[in-house]
Structure formats: structure tokens, C-alpha cells
C-alpha atoms as a PDB file:
ATOM      1  CA  MET A   1      91.987-157.618-111.186  1.00  0.00           C
ATOM      2  CA  MET A   2      92.932-155.405-108.250  1.00  0.00           C
ATOM      3  CA  LEU A   3      91.198-157.076-105.314  1.00  0.00           C
ATOM      4  CA  ARG A   4      93.126-156.554-102.067  1.00  0.00           C
ATOM      5  CA  GLY A   5      91.078-157.936 -99.206  1.00  0.00           C
ATOM      6  CA  PHE A   6      90.711-161.496 -98.013  1.00  0.00           C
ATOM      7  CA  GLY A   7      87.851-162.612 -95.784  1.00  0.00           C
ATOM      8  CA  TYR A   8      86.007-165.551 -94.397  1.00  0.00           C
ATOM      9  CA  SER A   9      82.794-166.142 -94.436  1.00  0.00           C
ATOM     10  CA  ALA A  10      67.915-160.495 -98.570  1.00  0.00           C
ATOM     11  CA  TYR A  11      66.705-160.698-100.284  1.00  0.00           C
ATOM     12  CA  LEU A  12      64.948-163.816 -99.035  1.00  0.00           C
ATOM     13  CA  ALA A  13      63.950-166.386-101.654  1.00  0.00           C
ATOM     14  CA  THR A  14      61.180-168.565-100.356  1.00  0.00           C
ATOM     15  CA  THR A  15      61.859-171.668-102.447  1.00  0.00           C
ATOM     16  CA  ALA A  16      61.144-175.076-100.953  1.00  0.00           C
ATOM     17  CA  GLY A  17      61.783-178.421-102.636  1.00  0.00           C
ATOM     18  CA  LEU A  18      59.711-178.567-105.781  1.00  0.00           C
ATOM     19  CA  LEU A  19      58.327-175.080-105.171  1.00  0.00           C
ATOM     20  CA  ALA A  20      59.893-171.648-105.187  1.00  0.00           C
ATOM     21  CA  MET A  21      59.405-168.026-104.475  1.00  0.00           C
ATOM     22  CA  ALA A  22      61.775-165.321-103.416  1.00  0.00           C
ATOM     23  CA  SER A  23      61.903-162.069-101.522  1.00  0.00           C
ATOM     24  CA  GLY A  24      64.459-159.458-100.578  1.00  0.00           C
ATOM     25  CA  CYS A  25      67.791-160.442 -99.031  1.00  0.00           C
ATOM     26  CA  GLY A  26      69.641-157.260 -98.925  1.00  0.00           C
ATOM     27  CA  ASP A  27      69.639-153.528 -99.158  1.00  0.00           C
ATOM     28  CA  ASP A  28      70.230-152.247-102.653  1.00  0.00           C
ATOM     29  CA  ALA A  29      67.189-150.795-104.383  1.00  0.00           C
ATOM     30  CA  THR A  30      65.813-147.773-102.540  1.00  0.00           C
ATOM     31  CA  PRO A  31      67.470-145.244-100.193  1.00  0.00           C
ATOM     32  CA  ASP A  32      66.647-145.971 -96.559  1.00  0.00           C
ATOM     33  CA  LYS A  33      65.018-143.731 -93.982  1.00  0.00           C
ATOM     34  CA  ASP A  34      67.872-143.763 -91.478  1.00  0.00           C
ATOM     35  CA  THR A  35      68.334-140.773 -89.223  1.00  0.00           C
ATOM     36  CA  GLY A  36      71.422-142.018 -87.361  1.00  0.00           C
ATOM     37  CA  ARG A  37      74.734-140.265 -86.718  1.00  0.00           C
ATOM     38  CA  ASP A  38      77.498-140.070 -89.264  1.00  0.00           C
ATOM     39  CA  ALA A  39      80.409-142.458 -88.827  1.00  0.00           C
ATOM     40  CA  THR A  40      82.680-142.017 -85.828  1.00  0.00           C
ATOM     41  CA  VAL A  41      86.333-142.888 -86.423  1.00  0.00           C
ATOM     42  CA  GLU A  42      88.951-142.958 -83.658  1.00  0.00           C
ATOM     43  CA  THR A  43      92.167-144.897 -83.071  1.00  0.00           C
ATOM     44  CA  ALA A  44      92.045-147.970 -80.853  1.00  0.00           C
ATOM     45  CA  VAL A  45      94.959-148.511 -78.477  1.00  0.00           C
ATOM     46  CA  GLU A  46      96.188-151.529 -76.562  1.00  0.00           C
ATOM     47  CA  THR A  47      97.850-151.306 -73.144  1.00  0.00           C
ATOM     48  CA  THR A  48     101.219-153.027 -72.825  1.00  0.00           C
ATOM     49  CA  PRO A  49     102.305-154.828 -69.601  1.00  0.00           C
ATOM     50  CA  ASP A  50     104.406-151.817 -68.561  1.00  0.00           C
ATOM     51  CA  GLY A  51     101.457-149.494 -68.893  1.00  0.00           C
ATOM     52  CA  GLY A  52     102.399-148.014 -72.254  1.00  0.00           C
ATOM     53  CA  GLU A  53     100.155-147.862 -75.281  1.00  0.00           C
ATOM     54  CA  THR A  54     100.575-149.339 -78.752  1.00  0.00           C
ATOM     55  CA  VAL A  55      98.561-148.097 -81.669  1.00  0.00           C
ATOM     56  CA  GLY A  56      96.311-150.766 -83.159  1.00  0.00           C
ATOM     57  CA  MET A  57      93.521-150.384 -85.716  1.00  0.00           C
ATOM     58  CA  THR A  58      92.641-146.888 -86.798  1.00  0.00           C
ATOM     59  CA  GLY A  59      88.965-147.624 -87.361  1.00  0.00           C
ATOM     60  CA  GLU A  60      89.194-145.788 -90.683  1.00  0.00           C
ATOM     61  CA  ILE A  61      87.133-147.752 -93.213  1.00  0.00           C
ATOM     62  CA  GLU A  62      86.392-145.280 -95.994  1.00  0.00           C
ATOM     63  CA  GLY A  63      86.869-146.747 -99.452  1.00  0.00           C
ATOM     64  CA  ARG A  64      85.582-149.655-101.529  1.00  0.00           C
ATOM     65  CA  TRP A  65      84.669-153.041-100.080  1.00  0.00           C
ATOM     66  CA  ALA A  66      83.260-156.397-101.167  1.00  0.00           C
ATOM     67  CA  MET A  67      80.483-157.851 -99.020  1.00  0.00           C
ATOM     68  CA  VAL A  68      78.750-161.214 -98.704  1.00  0.00           C
ATOM     69  CA  GLU A  69      75.521-161.457 -96.723  1.00  0.00           C
ATOM     70  CA  THR A  70      73.801-164.694 -95.729  1.00  0.00           C
ATOM     71  CA  GLN A  71      70.178-164.654 -94.586  1.00  0.00           C
ATOM     72  CA  THR A  72      68.407-167.781 -93.336  1.00  0.00           C
ATOM     73  CA  ALA A  73      64.645-168.345 -93.146  1.00  0.00           C
ATOM     74  CA  LEU A  74      62.064-171.009 -92.391  1.00  0.00           C
ATOM     75  CA  VAL A  75      59.762-171.465 -95.388  1.00  0.00           C
ATOM     76  CA  THR A  76      56.436-173.328 -95.220  1.00  0.00           C
ATOM     77  CA  THR A  77      54.564-174.627 -98.278  1.00  0.00           C
ATOM     78  CA  GLN A  78      51.421-176.698 -98.635  1.00  0.00           C
ATOM     79  CA  ILE A  79      53.186-179.768 -99.997  1.00  0.00           C
ATOM     80  CA  LEU A  80      56.594-179.940 -98.301  1.00  0.00           C
ATOM     81  CA  GLY A  81      55.882-178.305 -94.973  1.00  0.00           C
ATOM     82  CA  THR A  82      58.673-176.238 -93.411  1.00  0.00           C
ATOM     83  CA  GLN A  83      62.223-176.172 -94.704  1.00  0.00           C
ATOM     84  CA  VAL A  84      65.326-174.109 -94.003  1.00  0.00           C
ATOM     85  CA  GLN A  85      66.260-171.755 -96.809  1.00  0.00           C
ATOM     86  CA  THR A  86      69.445-169.730 -97.226  1.00  0.00           C
ATOM     87  CA  SER A  87      69.953-166.698 -99.457  1.00  0.00           C
ATOM     88  CA  VAL A  88      73.440-165.409-100.260  1.00  0.00           C
ATOM     89  CA  SER A  89      73.993-161.907-101.675  1.00  0.00           C
ATOM     90  CA  TYR A  90      77.227-160.369-102.973  1.00  0.00           C
ATOM     91  CA  TYR A  91      77.655-156.594-102.915  1.00  0.00           C
ATOM     92  CA  LEU A  92      79.933-153.779-103.959  1.00  0.00           C
ATOM     93  CA  ALA A  93      80.065-151.389-100.978  1.00  0.00           C
ATOM     94  CA  ASP A  94      81.472-147.878-100.649  1.00  0.00           C
ATOM     95  CA  PHE A  95      82.087-145.993 -97.393  1.00  0.00           C
ATOM     96  CA  ALA A  96      82.354-142.226 -97.850  1.00  0.00           C
ATOM     97  CA  ALA A  97      81.461-139.168 -95.761  1.00  0.00           C
ATOM     98  CA  GLY A  98      79.648-141.168 -93.107  1.00  0.00           C
ATOM     99  CA  LYS A  99      77.459-143.010 -95.612  1.00  0.00           C
ATOM    100  CA  LEU A 100      77.464-146.624 -96.780  1.00  0.00           C
ATOM    101  CA  SER A 101      76.333-147.238-100.374  1.00  0.00           C
ATOM    102  CA  VAL A 102      75.760-150.859-101.421  1.00  0.00           C
ATOM    103  CA  THR A 103      75.052-152.277-104.879  1.00  0.00           C
ATOM    104  CA  LEU A 104      73.878-155.853-105.346  1.00  0.00           C
ATOM    105  CA  CYS A 105      76.197-157.858-107.630  1.00  0.00           C
ATOM    106  CA  ASP A 106      74.649-161.333-107.422  1.00  0.00           C
ATOM    107  CA  TRP A 107      72.094-163.240-105.398  1.00  0.00           C
ATOM    108  CA  ILE A 108      71.224-166.935-105.119  1.00  0.00           C
ATOM    109  CA  THR A 109      69.007-168.916-102.770  1.00  0.00           C
ATOM    110  CA  ASP A 110      68.834-172.626-101.988  1.00  0.00           C
ATOM    111  CA  ASP A 111      66.667-174.853 -99.811  1.00  0.00           C
ATOM    112  CA  ASP A 112      68.104-177.367 -97.373  1.00  0.00           C
ATOM    113  CA  ALA A 113      67.176-180.282 -99.666  1.00  0.00           C
ATOM    114  CA  HIS A 114      69.199-178.697-102.520  1.00  0.00           C
ATOM    115  CA  LEU A 115      66.398-179.383-104.976  1.00  0.00           C
ATOM    116  CA  THR A 116      65.701-175.865-106.224  1.00  0.00           C
ATOM    117  CA  THR A 117      67.634-172.616-106.553  1.00  0.00           C
ATOM    118  CA  THR A 118      66.294-169.156-107.344  1.00  0.00           C
ATOM    119  CA  ARG A 119      68.293-166.302-108.869  1.00  0.00           C
ATOM    120  CA  MET A 120      67.884-162.786-110.206  1.00  0.00           C
ATOM    121  CA  GLY A 121      68.468-162.399-113.924  1.00  0.00           C
ATOM    122  CA  ASP A 122      70.790-159.803-115.440  1.00  0.00           C
ATOM    123  CA  LYS A 123      67.877-157.472-116.199  1.00  0.00           C
ATOM    124  CA  VAL A 124      66.831-157.389-112.558  1.00  0.00           C
ATOM    125  CA  LEU A 125      70.369-156.758-111.328  1.00  0.00           C
ATOM    126  CA  ALA A 126      70.848-153.999-113.900  1.00  0.00           C
ATOM    127  CA  SER A 127      67.622-152.284-112.777  1.00  0.00           C
ATOM    128  CA  LEU A 128      68.717-151.931-109.137  1.00  0.00           C
ATOM    129  CA  THR A 129      70.130-148.692-107.784  1.00  0.00           C
ATOM    130  CA  PRO A 130      72.440-148.446-104.756  1.00  0.00           C
ATOM    131  CA  LEU A 131      71.021-148.246-101.269  1.00  0.00           C
ATOM    132  CA  VAL A 132      72.573-145.460 -99.195  1.00  0.00           C
ATOM    133  CA  ARG A 133      72.421-145.697 -95.410  1.00  0.00           C
ATOM    134  CA  THR A 134      74.197-144.309 -92.357  1.00  0.00           C
ATOM    135  CA  TYR A 135      76.730-146.217 -90.292  1.00  0.00           C
ATOM    136  CA  THR A 136      78.852-145.856 -87.175  1.00  0.00           C
ATOM    137  CA  VAL A 137      82.312-147.109 -86.198  1.00  0.00           C
ATOM    138  CA  THR A 138      82.738-146.861 -82.423  1.00  0.00           C
ATOM    139  CA  PRO A 139      85.750-147.632 -80.186  1.00  0.00           C
ATOM    140  CA  ASP A 140      85.008-150.766 -78.155  1.00  0.00           C
ATOM    141  CA  GLY A 141      87.739-151.787 -75.725  1.00  0.00           C
ATOM    142  CA  THR A 142      90.842-152.402 -77.846  1.00  0.00           C
ATOM    143  CA  GLY A 143      88.843-152.569 -81.088  1.00  0.00           C
ATOM    144  CA  PHE A 144      85.869-151.083 -82.891  1.00  0.00           C
ATOM    145  CA  SER A 145      82.214-152.003 -83.241  1.00  0.00           C
ATOM    146  CA  PHE A 146      80.341-151.426 -86.498  1.00  0.00           C
ATOM    147  CA  GLU A 147      76.681-150.679 -87.158  1.00  0.00           C
ATOM    148  CA  ALA A 148      74.802-149.986 -90.391  1.00  0.00           C
ATOM    149  CA  LYS A 149      71.436-148.687 -89.353  1.00  0.00           C
ATOM    150  CA  LYS A 150      68.136-150.163 -90.471  1.00  0.00           C
ATOM    151  CA  GLY A 151      67.427-149.665 -94.174  1.00  0.00           C
ATOM    152  CA  TYR A 152      64.335-150.253 -96.297  1.00  0.00           C
ATOM    153  CA  THR A 153      64.507-151.756 -99.781  1.00  0.00           C
ATOM    154  CA  LEU A 154      61.692-151.945-102.344  1.00  0.00           C
ATOM    155  CA  ARG A 155      61.718-153.975-105.560  1.00  0.00           C
ATOM    156  CA  GLY A 156      58.926-154.064-108.113  1.00  0.00           C
ATOM    157  CA  VAL A 157      56.813-151.557-106.198  1.00  0.00           C
ATOM    158  CA  GLU A 158      56.809-147.829-105.406  1.00  0.00           C
ATOM    159  CA  LEU A 159      55.284-146.743-102.084  1.00  0.00           C
ATOM    160  CA  GLU A 160      54.833-143.184-100.865  1.00  0.00           C
ATOM    161  CA  HIS A 161      55.633-144.241 -97.305  1.00  0.00           C
ATOM    162  CA  ILE A 162      58.234-146.955 -97.689  1.00  0.00           C
ATOM    163  CA  ASP A 163      57.989-148.201 -94.118  1.00  0.00           C
ATOM    164  CA  THR A 164      54.229-148.168 -93.466  1.00  0.00           C
ATOM    165  CA  ASP A 165      52.200-148.373 -96.710  1.00  0.00           C
ATOM    166  CA  PRO A 166      50.667-151.813 -97.313  1.00  0.00           C
ATOM    167  CA  MET A 167      52.193-153.982-100.018  1.00  0.00           C
ATOM    168  CA  PRO A 168      50.074-154.522-103.171  1.00  0.00           C
ATOM    169  CA  THR A 169      48.163-157.775-103.541  1.00  0.00           C
ATOM    170  CA  ALA A 170      47.694-157.745-107.337  1.00  0.00           C
ATOM    171  CA  GLY A 171      49.961-157.018-110.264  1.00  0.00           C
ATOM    172  CA  THR A 172      47.462-154.439-111.555  1.00  0.00           C
ATOM    173  CA  ASP A 173      47.832-152.252-108.472  1.00  0.00           C
ATOM    174  CA  ALA A 174      48.985-148.718-109.336  1.00  0.00           C
ATOM    175  CA  THR A 175      52.004-149.068-107.041  1.00  0.00           C
ATOM    176  CA  VAL A 176      53.398-152.070-108.946  1.00  0.00           C
ATOM    177  CA  THR A 177      56.148-151.408-111.495  1.00  0.00           C
ATOM    178  CA  ASP A 178      57.750-153.505-114.216  1.00  0.00           C
ATOM    179  CA  GLN A 179      61.161-152.739-112.763  1.00  0.00           C
ATOM    180  CA  ASP A 180      63.204-154.980-115.056  1.00  0.00           C
ATOM    181  CA  GLY A 181      61.245-154.033-118.192  1.00  0.00           C
ATOM    182  CA  ASP A 182      60.304-157.563-119.260  1.00  0.00           C
ATOM    183  CA  GLY A 183      56.556-156.970-119.555  1.00  0.00           C
ATOM    184  CA  LYS A 184      55.727-158.733-116.280  1.00  0.00           C
ATOM    185  CA  PRO A 185      54.651-157.039-113.031  1.00  0.00           C
ATOM    186  CA  GLY A 186      57.288-156.478-110.372  1.00  0.00           C
ATOM    187  CA  ILE A 187      60.609-158.211-110.872  1.00  0.00           C
ATOM    188  CA  THR A 188      61.126-161.643-112.413  1.00  0.00           C
ATOM    189  CA  LEU A 189      62.986-164.378-110.543  1.00  0.00           C
ATOM    190  CA  VAL A 190      64.365-167.463-112.273  1.00  0.00           C
ATOM    191  CA  VAL A 191      63.743-170.842-110.617  1.00  0.00           C
ATOM    192  CA  GLN A 192      65.906-173.829-111.553  1.00  0.00           C
ATOM    193  CA  GLY A 193      66.263-177.398-110.336  1.00  0.00           C
ATOM    194  CA  THR A 194      63.601-180.052-109.924  1.00  0.00           C
ATOM    195  CA  ILE A 195      61.147-177.514-111.267  1.00  0.00           C
ATOM    196  CA  THR A 196      62.033-174.691-113.664  1.00  0.00           C
ATOM    197  CA  GLY A 197      60.113-171.487-114.189  1.00  0.00           C
ATOM    198  CA  THR A 198      59.771-167.791-113.483  1.00  0.00           C
ATOM    199  CA  LEU A 199      58.136-165.965-110.601  1.00  0.00           C
ATOM    200  CA  TYR A 200      56.790-162.373-110.675  1.00  0.00           C
ATOM    201  CA  VAL A 201      57.035-160.603-107.333  1.00  0.00           C
ATOM    202  CA  ALA A 202      57.418-157.362-105.420  1.00  0.00           C
ATOM    203  CA  HIS A 203      58.844-157.025-101.971  1.00  0.00           C
ATOM    204  CA  ARG A 204      59.862-154.809 -99.095  1.00  0.00           C
ATOM    205  CA  HIS A 205      62.963-155.780 -97.169  1.00  0.00           C
ATOM    206  CA  ILE A 206      64.265-154.326 -93.891  1.00  0.00           C
ATOM    207  CA  ALA A 207      67.764-155.054 -92.593  1.00  0.00           C
ATOM    208  CA  ALA A 208      70.440-153.791 -90.199  1.00  0.00           C
ATOM    209  CA  LEU A 209      74.076-154.837 -89.735  1.00  0.00           C
ATOM    210  CA  ASN A 210      75.919-155.114 -86.406  1.00  0.00           C
ATOM    211  CA  GLY A 211      79.483-156.359 -86.137  1.00  0.00           C
ATOM    212  CA  THR A 212      83.117-155.664 -85.307  1.00  0.00           C
ATOM    213  CA  LEU A 213      86.296-154.735 -87.146  1.00  0.00           C
ATOM    214  CA  GLN A 214      88.768-157.618 -87.230  1.00  0.00           C
ATOM    215  CA  SER A 215      91.145-155.188 -88.925  1.00  0.00           C
ATOM    216  CA  ASP A 216      90.907-151.965 -90.902  1.00  0.00           C
ATOM    217  CA  GLU A 217      90.290-154.189 -93.946  1.00  0.00           C
ATOM    218  CA  ARG A 218      87.805-156.745 -92.575  1.00  0.00           C
ATOM    219  CA  ILE A 219      84.422-156.440 -90.837  1.00  0.00           C
ATOM    220  CA  SER A 220      82.067-159.243 -89.820  1.00  0.00           C
ATOM    221  CA  GLY A 221      78.888-159.595 -87.796  1.00  0.00           C
ATOM    222  CA  LEU A 222      75.184-160.385 -87.780  1.00  0.00           C
ATOM    223  CA  THR A 223      72.298-159.257 -89.966  1.00  0.00           C
ATOM    224  CA  THR A 224      68.886-158.502 -88.448  1.00  0.00           C
ATOM    225  CA  TRP A 225      66.173-158.561 -91.103  1.00  0.00           C
ATOM    226  CA  THR A 226      62.529-159.062 -92.042  1.00  0.00           C
ATOM    227  CA  THR A 227      60.782-159.207 -95.406  1.00  0.00           C
ATOM    228  CA  GLU A 228      57.361-158.897 -97.050  1.00  0.00           C
ATOM    229  CA  GLN A 229      56.562-160.271-100.488  1.00  0.00           C
ATOM    230  CA  SER A 230      53.682-160.126-102.962  1.00  0.00           C
ATOM    231  CA  ILE A 231      53.397-162.741-105.730  1.00  0.00           C
ATOM    232  CA  PHE A 232      51.680-161.650-108.958  1.00  0.00           C
ATOM    233  CA  GLY A 233      51.989-164.857-110.982  1.00  0.00           C
ATOM    234  CA  SER A 234      54.413-167.427-112.302  1.00  0.00           C
ATOM    235  CA  GLU A 235      55.166-169.813-115.149  1.00  0.00           C
ATOM    236  CA  PRO A 236      54.209-172.540-114.428  1.00  0.00           C
ATOM    237  CA  GLN A 237      51.331-171.407-112.237  1.00  0.00           C
ATOM    238  CA  LEU A 238      52.221-174.111-109.691  1.00  0.00           C
ATOM    239  CA  LEU A 239      54.954-171.901-108.278  1.00  0.00           C
ATOM    240  CA  ALA A 240      52.614-169.048-107.367  1.00  0.00           C
ATOM    241  CA  ASP A 241      49.795-171.342-106.240  1.00  0.00           C
ATOM    242  CA  GLN A 242      51.812-172.657-103.308  1.00  0.00           C
ATOM    243  CA  ASN A 243      51.900-169.204-101.632  1.00  0.00           C
ATOM    244  CA  PRO A 244      54.861-170.016 -99.347  1.00  0.00           C
ATOM    245  CA  VAL A 245      55.142-168.331 -95.959  1.00  0.00           C
ATOM    246  CA  ALA A 246      58.642-167.305 -94.871  1.00  0.00           C
ATOM    247  CA  VAL A 247      59.879-166.133 -91.478  1.00  0.00           C
ATOM    248  CA  THR A 248      63.341-165.190 -90.265  1.00  0.00           C
ATOM    249  CA  HIS A 249      65.138-168.173 -88.743  1.00  0.00           C
ATOM    250  CA  PRO A 250      64.924-167.941 -84.929  1.00  0.00           C
ATOM    251  CA  ASP A 251      68.661-168.623 -84.621  1.00  0.00           C
ATOM    252  CA  GLY A 252      70.060-165.145 -85.267  1.00  0.00           C
ATOM    253  CA  SER A 253      73.587-166.498 -85.808  1.00  0.00           C
ATOM    254  CA  LYS A 254      72.434-168.014 -89.111  1.00  0.00           C
ATOM    255  CA  SER A 255      72.087-164.552 -90.708  1.00  0.00           C
ATOM    256  CA  HIS A 256      75.445-162.819 -90.986  1.00  0.00           C
ATOM    257  CA  PHE A 257      77.801-160.772 -93.169  1.00  0.00           C
ATOM    258  CA  VAL A 258      81.489-160.341 -93.984  1.00  0.00           C
ATOM    259  CA  MET A 259      83.109-157.316 -95.650  1.00  0.00           C
ATOM    260  CA  VAL A 260      86.669-157.117 -97.022  1.00  0.00           C
ATOM    261  CA  LYS A 261      88.369-154.050 -98.450  1.00  0.00           C
ATOM    262  CA  VAL A 262      89.173-154.072-102.167  1.00  0.00           C
ATOM    263  CA  ASP A 263      90.736-151.682-104.656  1.00  0.00           C
ATOM    264  CA  ALA A 264      88.921-148.489-105.639  1.00  0.00           C
ATOM    265  CA  ALA A 265      88.844-149.686-109.273  1.00  0.00           C
ATOM    266  CA  ASP A 266      87.099-152.980-108.502  1.00  0.00           C
ATOM    267  CA  SER A 267      83.559-153.608-109.732  1.00  0.00           C
ATOM    268  CA  CYS A 268      80.738-156.114-109.386  1.00  0.00           C
ATOM    269  CA  ALA A 269      82.310-158.116-112.212  1.00  0.00           C
ATOM    270  CA  SER A 270      85.663-158.443-110.446  1.00  0.00           C
ATOM    271  CA  ILE A 271      84.022-159.198-107.097  1.00  0.00           C
ATOM    272  CA  ASN A 272      81.855-161.934-108.636  1.00  0.00           C
ATOM    273  CA  ALA A 273      84.904-163.437-110.338  1.00  0.00           C
ATOM    274  CA  ALA A 274      86.993-163.470-107.139  1.00  0.00           C
ATOM    275  CA  ARG A 275      84.377-164.247-104.484  1.00  0.00           C
ATOM    276  CA  SER A 276      85.715-167.759-103.739  1.00  0.00           C
ATOM    277  CA  THR A 277      89.020-166.092-102.806  1.00  0.00           C
ATOM    278  CA  LEU A 278      87.481-163.153-101.004  1.00  0.00           C
ATOM    279  CA  PHE A 279      85.043-165.315 -99.035  1.00  0.00           C
ATOM    280  CA  PRO A 280      86.464-168.863 -98.827  1.00  0.00           C
END
């Protein structure tokens, strides 16, 4: 284990009480369509009382990082009405040459009643490829601001125009893929708790990150995101029949991220094992 950083702390899963569904809470499947600038790195300085300058953070963030992202939604179902739902994603992130590449390591969602959780199985996680997007680090007073520009993620579906093509409504649509290779359309999510089952979905997720550097080894801020999901079936059928509707929580402070720098040799396995230390 060579984790160095210490931090504090979608795929959106629309699970509510006895019912569950899930959609994207993060950026990790398909390269985005960003056209932003490459990263800007300069040295921040602080002014001393006598007018001199002391060198502070460098703003240099290239290297390997661990990231936790929390996304909060309001989910409405026919039986339980509207509940608050939180999805937490853990990532391996690499900054290099003005690009940010993120790989999803684990994802779990829970409703505010703590009755049902939804997760991705190992086959789904193994089928995901990194999302590459542009970012900027900009001097801001005595520190630095951070922005990862809007990225688009697809799971269980292939669209020619990732940002504008309509999502499929049936598992037999030509755009739907069996991404995790389990014989079911889309990707399969595992629901556990008061009700247990599997849900077959595809989704498009859009997210952007905006924050600040607390140091050259820690970044935190807010996530702005939306999601679309198609449900193709479930076992038991009750899960799909509820057709939950999810919207981003109106309180933007409830969707946020933290990144901490780790060793270049670290992996998803080591980040998952150490996440309670990295993100207490």
C-alpha cells in the first residue's frame, strides 16, 4: 500500500424504499466532448506584512489521485412518493498533459430511509473504460481554482451523437449494448435490502467539477450534474414497474467531490481498501 494523500469528505441510483433503480453518478465510461483549454499551472504567492512575497502552493497537480464524488437526488415513486437519495462513487484519477482521466472503482447508492442499496457488480465495473476530459487550474487570489469541464458518460448504450441523440426506450433498440456481457440489455445493477433483485438499464450522465486547491495534494468542490436513464426490465418485475423519476437535488451543496493525491503505483484495489482513511 503506497497511498500518500489524506482528505475529508453519478451515477445516480434511483432507489427508494422498497423500490430501486439507478443511473449514472460519475464520468467514467465514454470520452467527453470537451473543447476547453489545457490546464494552466502557475505559482500562488502570499504577501507578507512588510510587502514581501512567500511562495505558497505551486498549483502543480499532475500525477495520480483518489477521488470520492457524492451526488444527491430527489427520487419519486408511485408507492413511496419522493425521497432523498445519495450516490457515492470512488475513482482512480490521473492528471497528465492537461487531461484528467478517471476510472470508476466502486459505486453505491442509498435512500434516506436506509432500506435499499444499489451497487454495480464486478462485471459492470470491469467493462468501464476511463473518461478523459479537460481541466484548468487557475490562480485565484493566494490560491488556485479548479475546473473539470462538462463530460458525457454512456453506459449500456452507444449513440452517434452522445449529447443530443435520444435515449432508447426498449432493450431491443439497436443502440442498446450488453456492456457487461451477462446476456441482459444494458448494464445490470444489483439491488439489496428490503427487496433484492437486479435491474437492467442504460443511461447518459453529464457532470462538471468546480472547486479549489486546499494544497497541492488536496482538491475539493461541487459537482454539477444531470442524468437520463432507460429501464429495460428487472427481476423481480416490481422494480422496473415503479418507473421512478429522479431529479438533481435543488441544494447544490449536497453534490460534491474530494480528491487526494496518492502514489503512482496505487490502483482501484488499494483506493477501495483505504477509502475510510483517505476520505474519513
